[in-house]
Protein backbone atom coordinates (compact mmCIF):
# COMPACT_ATOMS: atom_id res chain seq x y z
CA MET A 1 3.20 119.91 -16.45
CA PRO A 2 1.18 120.26 -19.29
CA SER A 3 -1.62 117.46 -19.73
CA ASP A 4 -0.37 116.85 -23.12
CA VAL A 5 3.34 116.19 -22.08
CA VAL A 6 2.14 113.97 -19.03
CA ALA A 7 0.01 111.84 -21.47
CA ALA A 8 2.90 111.73 -23.90
CA THR A 9 5.36 110.77 -21.24
CA GLY A 10 2.88 108.02 -19.68
CA GLU A 11 2.99 106.38 -23.07
CA ALA A 12 6.69 106.15 -23.34
CA LEU A 13 7.01 105.29 -19.88
CA ALA A 14 4.68 102.32 -20.55
CA ARG A 15 6.77 101.23 -23.24
CA ARG A 16 9.94 101.32 -21.23
CA ALA A 17 8.39 99.46 -18.40
CA LEU A 18 7.08 96.65 -20.59
CA GLU A 19 10.72 95.99 -21.44
CA LEU A 20 11.82 95.15 -17.85
CA ASP A 21 13.01 91.77 -17.03
CA GLU A 22 10.24 92.06 -14.14
CA LEU A 23 7.34 92.76 -16.47
CA ALA A 24 8.23 91.39 -20.14
CA PRO A 25 7.78 87.90 -19.43
CA TYR A 26 4.15 88.27 -18.03
CA LEU A 27 3.39 89.83 -21.52
CA ALA A 28 5.11 87.18 -23.79
CA ALA A 29 2.66 84.48 -23.12
CA PRO A 30 -1.38 85.22 -24.05
CA PRO A 31 -3.47 85.11 -20.44
CA GLY A 32 -5.11 81.80 -21.96
CA GLY A 33 -1.62 80.29 -22.52
CA ARG A 34 0.00 80.54 -19.05
CA THR A 35 0.22 77.99 -16.77
CA GLY A 36 -0.12 78.70 -12.89
CA PRO A 37 -1.56 81.60 -11.29
CA ALA A 38 -1.93 84.96 -13.07
CA PRO A 39 1.30 87.33 -11.99
CA THR A 40 0.42 90.20 -9.57
CA VAL A 41 1.60 93.78 -10.11
CA ALA A 42 0.81 96.50 -7.26
CA GLY A 43 0.82 99.99 -9.26
CA TYR A 44 -0.60 103.20 -8.70
CA VAL A 45 -2.98 105.84 -10.41
CA SER A 46 -0.93 108.92 -11.08
CA ILE A 47 -1.98 112.40 -10.06
CA GLY A 48 -1.03 115.84 -10.76
CA GLY A 49 2.24 116.49 -12.70
CA GLU A 50 3.35 112.53 -12.16
CA PRO A 51 4.21 110.51 -15.33
CA ALA A 52 0.71 109.06 -16.37
CA THR A 53 0.39 105.24 -15.50
CA GLY A 54 -2.87 104.69 -17.19
CA PRO A 55 -1.25 103.43 -20.17
CA LEU A 56 0.81 100.99 -18.16
CA LEU A 57 -1.88 99.83 -16.10
CA GLU A 58 -4.11 99.19 -19.02
CA ARG A 59 -1.53 97.05 -21.10
CA LEU A 60 -0.69 95.02 -17.84
CA ARG A 61 -4.54 94.43 -17.26
CA ALA A 62 -4.97 93.61 -20.92
CA ALA A 63 -2.19 91.07 -20.66
CA GLY A 64 -4.04 89.09 -18.16
CA VAL A 65 -1.86 90.41 -15.17
CA ARG A 66 -3.40 91.05 -11.84
CA VAL A 67 -2.98 94.52 -11.31
CA LEU A 68 -3.72 95.88 -7.39
CA LEU A 69 -3.96 99.65 -6.73
CA PRO A 70 -3.79 101.39 -3.46
CA VAL A 71 -6.43 102.67 -1.44
CA LEU A 72 -5.56 105.34 1.33
CA LEU A 73 -6.66 104.59 4.65
CA SER A 74 -7.19 107.54 7.27
CA ASP A 75 -3.67 106.69 8.91
CA ASN A 76 -1.86 107.13 5.72
CA ASP A 77 -1.48 103.63 5.35
CA LEU A 78 -2.41 101.83 2.28
CA GLU A 79 -4.70 98.76 1.41
CA TRP A 80 -5.16 97.21 -2.11
CA ALA A 81 -7.95 96.63 -4.41
CA LEU A 82 -7.96 95.00 -7.81
CA TYR A 83 -7.91 97.41 -10.94
CA GLU A 84 -10.79 96.68 -13.16
CA GLY A 85 -10.16 99.35 -15.42
CA PRO A 86 -10.42 103.30 -15.60
CA GLU A 87 -14.10 103.43 -15.62
CA ARG A 88 -14.07 101.62 -11.86
CA LEU A 89 -12.00 104.12 -10.42
CA VAL A 90 -13.68 106.65 -8.22
CA ALA A 91 -12.51 110.01 -6.76
CA ALA A 92 -10.99 110.02 -3.41
CA GLY A 93 -9.22 112.51 -0.94
CA TRP A 94 -6.29 114.36 -1.77
CA GLY A 95 -7.00 114.30 -5.60
CA LEU A 96 -6.74 110.52 -5.56
CA ARG A 97 -8.49 108.07 -7.88
CA GLU A 98 -9.16 104.54 -6.12
CA PRO A 99 -10.70 101.14 -7.46
CA ALA A 100 -14.33 101.14 -6.66
CA GLY A 101 -14.04 97.25 -5.82
CA GLU A 102 -13.63 94.94 -2.83
CA ARG A 103 -10.89 96.04 -0.51
CA LEU A 104 -8.25 93.13 -0.20
CA GLY A 105 -6.60 94.81 3.17
CA PRO A 106 -2.82 96.06 3.75
CA GLU A 107 -1.07 92.86 3.39
CA ALA A 108 -2.09 92.14 -0.26
CA VAL A 109 0.72 93.54 -1.39
CA THR A 110 2.88 90.86 -0.05
CA GLY A 111 1.81 88.71 -2.93
CA ALA A 112 2.81 91.33 -5.59
CA ASP A 113 5.60 90.15 -7.90
CA VAL A 114 6.56 93.65 -8.70
CA VAL A 115 5.44 96.69 -6.84
CA LEU A 116 5.51 100.02 -9.12
CA LEU A 117 6.21 103.04 -6.84
CA PRO A 118 5.82 106.59 -7.16
CA GLY A 119 8.45 109.15 -6.02
CA LEU A 120 9.87 112.59 -6.55
CA ALA A 121 13.29 111.29 -7.14
CA VAL A 122 15.71 108.34 -6.95
CA ASP A 123 19.42 108.63 -6.42
CA ARG A 124 22.27 106.38 -8.04
CA SER A 125 22.09 104.10 -5.07
CA GLY A 126 18.39 103.26 -5.66
CA LEU A 127 17.24 105.23 -2.72
CA ARG A 128 13.64 106.78 -3.51
CA LEU A 129 12.49 109.99 -2.16
CA GLY A 130 8.66 110.19 -1.69
CA ARG A 131 6.29 112.61 -0.66
CA GLY A 132 6.74 112.28 2.95
CA GLY A 133 3.76 110.88 4.16
CA GLY A 134 5.10 107.45 5.05
CA SER A 135 2.30 105.28 3.04
CA TYR A 136 4.96 103.51 0.78
CA ASP A 137 7.54 103.37 3.68
CA ARG A 138 5.00 101.33 5.54
CA VAL A 139 4.36 99.10 2.22
CA LEU A 140 8.04 98.63 1.85
CA ALA A 141 8.36 97.42 5.63
CA ARG A 142 5.54 95.15 5.12
CA LEU A 143 7.15 93.42 2.11
CA GLU A 144 10.46 93.05 3.98
CA ARG A 145 8.74 91.69 7.05
CA ALA A 146 6.90 89.18 4.85
CA GLY A 147 10.05 88.10 3.16
CA ALA A 148 8.42 88.90 0.00
CA PRO A 149 10.84 88.53 -3.06
CA THR A 150 9.08 91.55 -4.76
CA SER A 151 10.64 93.80 -7.45
CA LEU A 152 10.58 97.33 -6.35
CA VAL A 153 10.49 99.70 -9.25
CA VAL A 154 10.00 103.47 -9.37
CA LEU A 155 8.40 105.42 -12.05
CA LEU A 156 9.71 108.90 -12.84
CA TYR A 157 10.64 111.60 -15.38
CA ASP A 158 14.40 111.49 -16.72
CA ASP A 159 15.44 114.42 -14.69
CA GLU A 160 14.28 112.94 -11.34
CA VAL A 161 17.25 110.31 -11.51
CA VAL A 162 19.57 112.49 -9.18
CA GLN A 163 23.18 111.79 -7.71
CA GLU A 164 21.85 111.68 -4.22
CA VAL A 165 18.55 112.04 -2.21
CA PRO A 166 18.10 112.64 1.58
CA ALA A 167 17.93 109.27 3.47
CA GLU A 168 16.41 108.31 6.87
CA PRO A 169 17.43 104.91 8.25
CA HIS A 170 14.00 103.26 7.45
CA ASP A 171 14.62 104.05 3.84
CA ARG A 172 14.63 100.94 1.74
CA ARG A 173 16.37 100.81 -1.90
CA VAL A 174 14.49 100.01 -5.02
CA HIS A 175 15.80 97.78 -7.72
CA ALA A 176 15.10 99.73 -10.69
CA ALA A 177 13.75 103.00 -12.05
CA VAL A 178 11.93 103.47 -15.16
CA THR A 179 11.83 106.82 -17.06
CA PRO A 180 10.52 107.61 -20.37
CA SER A 181 14.12 107.24 -22.13
CA ALA A 182 15.71 104.58 -19.88
CA VAL A 183 15.74 101.74 -17.36
CA HIS A 184 18.34 102.52 -14.24
CA ARG A 185 19.28 99.49 -12.18
CA PHE A 186 20.55 99.38 -8.87
CA ALA A 187 22.78 97.13 -7.01
CA GLY A 188 21.69 95.36 -3.99
């Protein structure tokens, strides 16, 4: 995918994602006008031809949302670190960019109100097709074990919402998929 298309798609994706019921309330009140703790969103830094997540991450951070980003461990599990802006991301293995700050551990994601997930596709029932490394399968299992009431949202291109994806018994459904032109909701 050409870089200008990825960038334009990222802007459209950010606008659409910020309309989500799960995210819009966080942006309605200015950071100083909120009561209670800052909301937490676990996101990711897009790579390659994935829809660009930078615009969304920056808008969330600017609104005072606590944004966590994954750090890939040697066993393909993920731990988390606070996103402090694009200038504080460092190159990591597999073409990834990760936060340079303090590591918060794998369990930090269980405090997220919303988890934004990468994917290759999602089907009409909300099953997400990942890259096959199992990193996010572990995250989703961790959230389930913790009983965390987290909204799961996958970010995709329009043509990646498909009729059916291959499924394994351990696969979990997401609540929504956001594409540049639509929000897709899934039952359950």
